[in-house]
Amino acid sequence: GVSGVIDAFVTENSTNSPQTVGGVSLPANSLFVAV
């Protein structure tokens, strides 16, 4: 809903260790937002 945003993707790593999601390494217990 932000003006000018063309696309966005949101996911998370809810575990206590780093995880690779969709080709990207996410830190433990972190939120990932690509815009």
PDB file of all heavy atoms in Angstrom:
ATOM      1  N   GLY A   1       0.792  -1.219   0.000  1.00  0.00           N
ATOM      2  CA  GLY A   1       0.000   0.000   0.000  1.00  0.00           C
ATOM      3  C   GLY A   1       0.828   1.274   0.000  1.00  0.00           C
ATOM      4  O   GLY A   1       0.273   2.373  -0.115  1.00  0.00           O
ATOM      5  N   VAL A   2       2.151   1.144   0.112  1.00  0.00           N
ATOM      6  CA  VAL A   2       3.035   2.317   0.120  1.00  0.00           C
ATOM      7  C   VAL A   2       3.147   2.870  -1.302  1.00  0.00           C
ATOM      8  O   VAL A   2       3.340   2.127  -2.265  1.00  0.00           O
ATOM      9  CB  VAL A   2       4.429   1.940   0.657  1.00  0.00           C
ATOM     10  CG1 VAL A   2       5.408   3.101   0.479  1.00  0.00           C
ATOM     11  CG2 VAL A   2       4.342   1.541   2.122  1.00  0.00           C
ATOM     12  N   SER A   3       3.039   4.166  -1.417  1.00  0.00           N
ATOM     13  CA  SER A   3       3.134   4.815  -2.729  1.00  0.00           C
ATOM     14  C   SER A   3       4.468   4.502  -3.400  1.00  0.00           C
ATOM     15  O   SER A   3       5.525   4.629  -2.777  1.00  0.00           O
ATOM     16  CB  SER A   3       2.976   6.328  -2.574  1.00  0.00           C
ATOM     17  OG  SER A   3       3.164   6.987  -3.803  1.00  0.00           O
ATOM     18  N   GLY A   4       4.418   4.092  -4.661  1.00  0.00           N
ATOM     19  CA  GLY A   4       5.628   3.817  -5.416  1.00  0.00           C
ATOM     20  C   GLY A   4       6.133   2.395  -5.328  1.00  0.00           C
ATOM     21  O   GLY A   4       7.039   2.020  -6.073  1.00  0.00           O
ATOM     22  N   VAL A   5       5.576   1.584  -4.435  1.00  0.00           N
ATOM     23  CA  VAL A   5       6.022   0.191  -4.315  1.00  0.00           C
ATOM     24  C   VAL A   5       5.459  -0.607  -5.485  1.00  0.00           C
ATOM     25  O   VAL A   5       4.248  -0.637  -5.714  1.00  0.00           O
ATOM     26  CB  VAL A   5       5.593  -0.434  -2.977  1.00  0.00           C
ATOM     27  CG1 VAL A   5       5.790  -1.946  -2.989  1.00  0.00           C
ATOM     28  CG2 VAL A   5       6.390   0.186  -1.837  1.00  0.00           C
ATOM     29  N   ILE A   6       6.334  -1.266  -6.227  1.00  0.00           N
ATOM     30  CA  ILE A   6       5.942  -2.059  -7.384  1.00  0.00           C
ATOM     31  C   ILE A   6       5.673  -3.500  -6.990  1.00  0.00           C
ATOM     32  O   ILE A   6       4.757  -4.145  -7.493  1.00  0.00           O
ATOM     33  CB  ILE A   6       7.039  -1.989  -8.470  1.00  0.00           C
ATOM     34  CG1 ILE A   6       7.147  -0.545  -8.990  1.00  0.00           C
ATOM     35  CG2 ILE A   6       6.760  -2.953  -9.617  1.00  0.00           C
ATOM     36  CD1 ILE A   6       8.335  -0.325  -9.900  1.00  0.00           C
ATOM     37  N   ASP A   7       6.461  -4.038  -6.061  1.00  0.00           N
ATOM     38  CA  ASP A   7       6.266  -5.420  -5.616  1.00  0.00           C
ATOM     39  C   ASP A   7       6.912  -5.592  -4.250  1.00  0.00           C
ATOM     40  O   ASP A   7       7.803  -4.822  -3.861  1.00  0.00           O
ATOM     41  CB  ASP A   7       6.885  -6.385  -6.629  1.00  0.00           C
ATOM     42  CG  ASP A   7       6.411  -7.823  -6.444  1.00  0.00           C
ATOM     43  OD1 ASP A   7       5.395  -8.021  -5.737  1.00  0.00           O
ATOM     44  OD2 ASP A   7       7.033  -8.743  -7.004  1.00  0.00           O
ATOM     45  N   ALA A   8       6.447  -6.611  -3.521  1.00  0.00           N
ATOM     46  CA  ALA A   8       7.000  -6.908  -2.204  1.00  0.00           C
ATOM     47  C   ALA A   8       6.828  -8.390  -1.915  1.00  0.00           C
ATOM     48  O   ALA A   8       5.889  -9.031  -2.391  1.00  0.00           O
ATOM     49  CB  ALA A   8       6.314  -6.079  -1.117  1.00  0.00           C
ATOM     50  N   PHE A   9       7.746  -8.928  -1.112  1.00  0.00           N
ATOM     51  CA  PHE A   9       7.684 -10.327  -0.681  1.00  0.00           C
ATOM     52  C   PHE A   9       8.062 -10.377   0.781  1.00  0.00           C
ATOM     53  O   PHE A   9       9.028  -9.720   1.200  1.00  0.00           O
ATOM     54  CB  PHE A   9       8.641 -11.191  -1.516  1.00  0.00           C
ATOM     55  CG  PHE A   9       8.577 -12.654  -1.181  1.00  0.00           C
ATOM     56  CD1 PHE A   9       7.661 -13.477  -1.799  1.00  0.00           C
ATOM     57  CD2 PHE A   9       9.438 -13.193  -0.236  1.00  0.00           C
ATOM     58  CE1 PHE A   9       7.587 -14.830  -1.482  1.00  0.00           C
ATOM     59  CE2 PHE A   9       9.381 -14.540   0.087  1.00  0.00           C
ATOM     60  CZ  PHE A   9       8.451 -15.365  -0.538  1.00  0.00           C
ATOM     61  N   VAL A  10       7.319 -11.142   1.579  1.00  0.00           N
ATOM     62  CA  VAL A  10       7.547 -11.206   3.023  1.00  0.00           C
ATOM     63  C   VAL A  10       7.591 -12.660   3.463  1.00  0.00           C
ATOM     64  O   VAL A  10       6.723 -13.465   3.092  1.00  0.00           O
ATOM     65  CB  VAL A  10       6.430 -10.472   3.799  1.00  0.00           C
ATOM     66  CG1 VAL A  10       6.700 -10.539   5.304  1.00  0.00           C
ATOM     67  CG2 VAL A  10       6.316  -9.026   3.346  1.00  0.00           C
ATOM     68  N   THR A  11       8.602 -13.014   4.243  1.00  0.00           N
ATOM     69  CA  THR A  11       8.672 -14.327   4.860  1.00  0.00           C
ATOM     70  C   THR A  11       9.446 -14.195   6.174  1.00  0.00           C
ATOM     71  O   THR A  11       9.818 -13.077   6.564  1.00  0.00           O
ATOM     72  CB  THR A  11       9.343 -15.356   3.917  1.00  0.00           C
ATOM     73  OG1 THR A  11       9.214 -16.665   4.488  1.00  0.00           O
ATOM     74  CG2 THR A  11      10.812 -15.046   3.704  1.00  0.00           C
ATOM     75  N   GLU A  12       9.692 -15.311   6.850  1.00  0.00           N
ATOM     76  CA  GLU A  12      10.383 -15.253   8.139  1.00  0.00           C
ATOM     77  C   GLU A  12      11.153 -16.544   8.379  1.00  0.00           C
ATOM     78  O   GLU A  12      10.899 -17.575   7.745  1.00  0.00           O
ATOM     79  CB  GLU A  12       9.376 -15.049   9.274  1.00  0.00           C
ATOM     80  CG  GLU A  12       8.419 -16.225   9.447  1.00  0.00           C
ATOM     81  CD  GLU A  12       7.463 -16.056  10.607  1.00  0.00           C
ATOM     82  OE1 GLU A  12       7.745 -15.217  11.481  1.00  0.00           O
ATOM     83  OE2 GLU A  12       6.451 -16.781  10.649  1.00  0.00           O
ATOM     84  N   ASN A  13      12.093 -16.467   9.310  1.00  0.00           N
ATOM     85  CA  ASN A  13      12.753 -17.643   9.859  1.00  0.00           C
ATOM     86  C   ASN A  13      12.376 -17.703  11.330  1.00  0.00           C
ATOM     87  O   ASN A  13      12.873 -16.919  12.141  1.00  0.00           O
ATOM     88  CB  ASN A  13      14.270 -17.551   9.690  1.00  0.00           C
ATOM     89  CG  ASN A  13      15.003 -18.712  10.362  1.00  0.00           C
ATOM     90  OD1 ASN A  13      14.383 -19.705  10.747  1.00  0.00           O
ATOM     91  ND2 ASN A  13      16.308 -18.582  10.508  1.00  0.00           N
ATOM     92  N   SER A  14      11.478 -18.592  11.672  1.00  0.00           N
ATOM     93  CA  SER A  14      10.980 -18.669  13.051  1.00  0.00           C
ATOM     94  C   SER A  14      11.776 -19.645  13.906  1.00  0.00           C
ATOM     95  O   SER A  14      11.417 -19.888  15.057  1.00  0.00           O
ATOM     96  CB  SER A  14       9.502 -19.093  13.041  1.00  0.00           C
ATOM     97  OG  SER A  14       9.339 -20.338  12.388  1.00  0.00           O
ATOM     98  N   THR A  15      12.871 -20.193  13.351  1.00  0.00           N
ATOM     99  CA  THR A  15      13.677 -21.155  14.103  1.00  0.00           C
ATOM    100  C   THR A  15      14.802 -20.432  14.844  1.00  0.00           C
ATOM    101  O   THR A  15      15.066 -19.254  14.632  1.00  0.00           O
ATOM    102  CB  THR A  15      14.279 -22.207  13.163  1.00  0.00           C
ATOM    103  OG1 THR A  15      15.296 -21.597  12.349  1.00  0.00           O
ATOM    104  CG2 THR A  15      13.201 -22.811  12.264  1.00  0.00           C
ATOM    105  N   ASN A  16      15.521 -21.194  15.695  1.00  0.00           N
ATOM    106  CA  ASN A  16      16.611 -20.630  16.488  1.00  0.00           C
ATOM    107  C   ASN A  16      17.969 -20.759  15.805  1.00  0.00           C
ATOM    108  O   ASN A  16      19.001 -20.566  16.448  1.00  0.00           O
ATOM    109  CB  ASN A  16      16.661 -21.312  17.854  1.00  0.00           C
ATOM    110  CG  ASN A  16      15.461 -20.960  18.715  1.00  0.00           C
ATOM    111  OD1 ASN A  16      14.967 -19.835  18.672  1.00  0.00           O
ATOM    112  ND2 ASN A  16      14.970 -21.918  19.478  1.00  0.00           N
ATOM    113  N   SER A  17      17.966 -21.097  14.521  1.00  0.00           N
ATOM    114  CA  SER A  17      19.219 -21.212  13.782  1.00  0.00           C
ATOM    115  C   SER A  17      19.032 -20.634  12.387  1.00  0.00           C
ATOM    116  O   SER A  17      17.905 -20.561  11.888  1.00  0.00           O
ATOM    117  CB  SER A  17      19.654 -22.679  13.695  1.00  0.00           C
ATOM    118  OG  SER A  17      18.656 -23.457  13.049  1.00  0.00           O
ATOM    119  N   PRO A  18      20.124 -20.217  11.745  1.00  0.00           N
ATOM    120  CA  PRO A  18      19.994 -19.670  10.383  1.00  0.00           C
ATOM    121  C   PRO A  18      19.381 -20.697   9.429  1.00  0.00           C
ATOM    122  O   PRO A  18      19.654 -21.894   9.534  1.00  0.00           O
ATOM    123  CB  PRO A  18      21.434 -19.333  10.002  1.00  0.00           C
ATOM    124  CG  PRO A  18      22.153 -19.198  11.303  1.00  0.00           C
ATOM    125  CD  PRO A  18      21.509 -20.172  12.235  1.00  0.00           C
ATOM    126  N   GLN A  19      18.570 -20.204   8.513  1.00  0.00           N
ATOM    127  CA  GLN A  19      17.926 -21.064   7.532  1.00  0.00           C
ATOM    128  C   GLN A  19      18.025 -20.416   6.156  1.00  0.00           C
ATOM    129  O   GLN A  19      18.006 -19.188   6.036  1.00  0.00           O
ATOM    130  CB  GLN A  19      16.446 -21.278   7.875  1.00  0.00           C
ATOM    131  CG  GLN A  19      16.191 -21.963   9.214  1.00  0.00           C
ATOM    132  CD  GLN A  19      16.520 -23.442   9.177  1.00  0.00           C
ATOM    133  OE1 GLN A  19      16.370 -24.092   8.141  1.00  0.00           O
ATOM    134  NE2 GLN A  19      16.962 -23.984  10.308  1.00  0.00           N
ATOM    135  N   THR A  20      18.127 -21.249   5.110  1.00  0.00           N
ATOM    136  CA  THR A  20      18.106 -20.744   3.746  1.00  0.00           C
ATOM    137  C   THR A  20      16.700 -20.876   3.197  1.00  0.00           C
ATOM    138  O   THR A  20      16.147 -21.981   3.133  1.00  0.00           O
ATOM    139  CB  THR A  20      19.094 -21.508   2.843  1.00  0.00           C
ATOM    140  OG1 THR A  20      20.421 -21.313   3.343  1.00  0.00           O
ATOM    141  CG2 THR A  20      19.028 -20.992   1.409  1.00  0.00           C
ATOM    142  N   VAL A  21      16.112 -19.745   2.830  1.00  0.00           N
ATOM    143  CA  VAL A  21      14.744 -19.713   2.314  1.00  0.00           C
ATOM    144  C   VAL A  21      14.771 -19.027   0.947  1.00  0.00           C
ATOM    145  O   VAL A  21      15.230 -17.898   0.834  1.00  0.00           O
ATOM    146  CB  VAL A  21      13.805 -18.948   3.266  1.00  0.00           C
ATOM    147  CG1 VAL A  21      12.384 -18.899   2.705  1.00  0.00           C
ATOM    148  CG2 VAL A  21      13.809 -19.576   4.648  1.00  0.00           C
ATOM    149  N   GLY A  22      14.306 -19.704  -0.067  1.00  0.00           N
ATOM    150  CA  GLY A  22      14.242 -19.104  -1.394  1.00  0.00           C
ATOM    151  C   GLY A  22      15.568 -18.607  -1.906  1.00  0.00           C
ATOM    152  O   GLY A  22      15.639 -17.586  -2.591  1.00  0.00           O
ATOM    153  N   GLY A  23      16.660 -19.332  -1.542  1.00  0.00           N
ATOM    154  CA  GLY A  23      17.994 -18.965  -2.008  1.00  0.00           C
ATOM    155  C   GLY A  23      18.688 -17.907  -1.173  1.00  0.00           C
ATOM    156  O   GLY A  23      19.789 -17.486  -1.514  1.00  0.00           O
ATOM    157  N   VAL A  24      18.075 -17.474  -0.058  1.00  0.00           N
ATOM    158  CA  VAL A  24      18.653 -16.425   0.793  1.00  0.00           C
ATOM    159  C   VAL A  24      18.804 -16.955   2.213  1.00  0.00           C
ATOM    160  O   VAL A  24      17.881 -17.582   2.758  1.00  0.00           O
ATOM    161  CB  VAL A  24      17.769 -15.169   0.799  1.00  0.00           C
ATOM    162  CG1 VAL A  24      18.342 -14.105   1.733  1.00  0.00           C
ATOM    163  CG2 VAL A  24      17.641 -14.611  -0.617  1.00  0.00           C
ATOM    164  N   SER A  25      19.961 -16.712   2.830  1.00  0.00           N
ATOM    165  CA  SER A  25      20.197 -17.124   4.212  1.00  0.00           C
ATOM    166  C   SER A  25      19.585 -16.107   5.172  1.00  0.00           C
ATOM    167  O   SER A  25      19.913 -14.920   5.127  1.00  0.00           O
ATOM    168  CB  SER A  25      21.700 -17.250   4.476  1.00  0.00           C
ATOM    169  OG  SER A  25      21.935 -17.639   5.826  1.00  0.00           O
ATOM    170  N   LEU A  26      18.664 -16.573   6.020  1.00  0.00           N
ATOM    171  CA  LEU A  26      17.996 -15.709   6.977  1.00  0.00           C
ATOM    172  C   LEU A  26      18.501 -16.005   8.386  1.00  0.00           C
ATOM    173  O   LEU A  26      18.562 -17.170   8.791  1.00  0.00           O
ATOM    174  CB  LEU A  26      16.482 -15.920   6.934  1.00  0.00           C
ATOM    175  CG  LEU A  26      15.791 -15.769   5.577  1.00  0.00           C
ATOM    176  CD1 LEU A  26      14.285 -15.898   5.740  1.00  0.00           C
ATOM    177  CD2 LEU A  26      16.145 -14.440   4.942  1.00  0.00           C
ATOM    178  N   PRO A  27      18.854 -14.970   9.174  1.00  0.00           N
ATOM    179  CA  PRO A  27      19.280 -15.183  10.559  1.00  0.00           C
ATOM    180  C   PRO A  27      18.166 -15.816  11.384  1.00  0.00           C
ATOM    181  O   PRO A  27      16.995 -15.803  11.002  1.00  0.00           O
ATOM    182  CB  PRO A  27      19.597 -13.761  11.050  1.00  0.00           C
ATOM    183  CG  PRO A  27      19.793 -12.950   9.811  1.00  0.00           C
ATOM    184  CD  PRO A  27      18.896 -13.556   8.788  1.00  0.00           C
ATOM    185  N   ALA A  28      18.532 -16.355  12.530  1.00  0.00           N
ATOM    186  CA  ALA A  28      17.549 -16.977  13.418  1.00  0.00           C
ATOM    187  C   ALA A  28      16.512 -15.957  13.868  1.00  0.00           C
ATOM    188  O   ALA A  28      16.834 -14.782  14.100  1.00  0.00           O
ATOM    189  CB  ALA A  28      18.253 -17.572  14.625  1.00  0.00           C
ATOM    190  N   ASN A  29      15.256 -16.406  13.950  1.00  0.00           N
ATOM    191  CA  ASN A  29      14.152 -15.587  14.479  1.00  0.00           C
ATOM    192  C   ASN A  29      14.093 -14.204  13.823  1.00  0.00           C
ATOM    193  O   ASN A  29      14.019 -13.185  14.507  1.00  0.00           O
ATOM    194  CB  ASN A  29      14.286 -15.439  16.000  1.00  0.00           C
ATOM    195  CG  ASN A  29      14.320 -16.774  16.702  1.00  0.00           C
ATOM    196  OD1 ASN A  29      13.409 -17.581  16.538  1.00  0.00           O
ATOM    197  ND2 ASN A  29      15.371 -17.032  17.460  1.00  0.00           N
ATOM    198  N   SER A  30      14.109 -14.179  12.509  1.00  0.00           N
ATOM    199  CA  SER A  30      14.141 -12.891  11.813  1.00  0.00           C
ATOM    200  C   SER A  30      13.020 -12.780  10.795  1.00  0.00           C
ATOM    201  O   SER A  30      12.501 -13.770  10.278  1.00  0.00           O
ATOM    202  CB  SER A  30      15.493 -12.691  11.112  1.00  0.00           C
ATOM    203  OG  SER A  30      15.651 -13.625  10.064  1.00  0.00           O
ATOM    204  N   LEU A  31      12.666 -11.543  10.531  1.00  0.00           N
ATOM    205  CA  LEU A  31      11.688 -11.201   9.498  1.00  0.00           C
ATOM    206  C   LEU A  31      12.431 -10.774   8.242  1.00  0.00           C
ATOM    207  O   LEU A  31      13.412 -10.044   8.312  1.00  0.00           O
ATOM    208  CB  LEU A  31      10.806 -10.050   9.998  1.00  0.00           C
ATOM    209  CG  LEU A  31       9.854  -9.404   8.981  1.00  0.00           C
ATOM    210  CD1 LEU A  31       8.731 -10.361   8.626  1.00  0.00           C
ATOM    211  CD2 LEU A  31       9.292  -8.095   9.529  1.00  0.00           C
ATOM    212  N   PHE A  32      11.951 -11.229   7.080  1.00  0.00           N
ATOM    213  CA  PHE A  32      12.565 -10.848   5.811  1.00  0.00           C
ATOM    214  C   PHE A  32      11.517 -10.193   4.940  1.00  0.00           C
ATOM    215  O   PHE A  32      10.459 -10.769   4.672  1.00  0.00           O
ATOM    216  CB  PHE A  32      13.137 -12.072   5.095  1.00  0.00           C
ATOM    217  CG  PHE A  32      13.704 -11.764   3.734  1.00  0.00           C
ATOM    218  CD1 PHE A  32      15.023 -11.355   3.594  1.00  0.00           C
ATOM    219  CD2 PHE A  32      12.909 -11.865   2.589  1.00  0.00           C
ATOM    220  CE1 PHE A  32      15.544 -11.061   2.341  1.00  0.00           C
ATOM    221  CE2 PHE A  32      13.425 -11.578   1.336  1.00  0.00           C
ATOM    222  CZ  PHE A  32      14.747 -11.170   1.218  1.00  0.00           C
ATOM    223  N   VAL A  33      11.828  -8.972   4.473  1.00  0.00           N
ATOM    224  CA  VAL A  33      10.940  -8.239   3.575  1.00  0.00           C
ATOM    225  C   VAL A  33      11.767  -7.751   2.395  1.00  0.00           C
ATOM    226  O   VAL A  33      12.756  -7.040   2.588  1.00  0.00           O
ATOM    227  CB  VAL A  33      10.269  -7.034   4.272  1.00  0.00           C
ATOM    228  CG1 VAL A  33       9.322  -6.321   3.312  1.00  0.00           C
ATOM    229  CG2 VAL A  33       9.525  -7.475   5.522  1.00  0.00           C
ATOM    230  N   ALA A  34      11.391  -8.151   1.185  1.00  0.00           N
ATOM    231  CA  ALA A  34      12.041  -7.659  -0.029  1.00  0.00           C
ATOM    232  C   ALA A  34      11.080  -6.727  -0.742  1.00  0.00           C
ATOM    233  O   ALA A  34       9.899  -7.051  -0.904  1.00  0.00           O
ATOM    234  CB  ALA A  34      12.435  -8.811  -0.948  1.00  0.00           C
ATOM    235  N   VAL A  35      11.571  -5.561  -1.167  1.00  0.00           N
ATOM    236  CA  VAL A  35      10.709  -4.531  -1.741  1.00  0.00           C
ATOM    237  C   VAL A  35      11.355  -3.951  -2.992  1.00  0.00           C
ATOM    238  O   VAL A  35      12.562  -3.702  -3.025  1.00  0.00           O
ATOM    239  CB  VAL A  35      10.450  -3.387  -0.724  1.00  0.00           C
ATOM    240  CG1 VAL A  35       9.478  -2.360  -1.311  1.00  0.00           C
ATOM    241  CG2 VAL A  35       9.917  -3.934   0.580  1.00  0.00           C
TER     242      VAL A  35
END
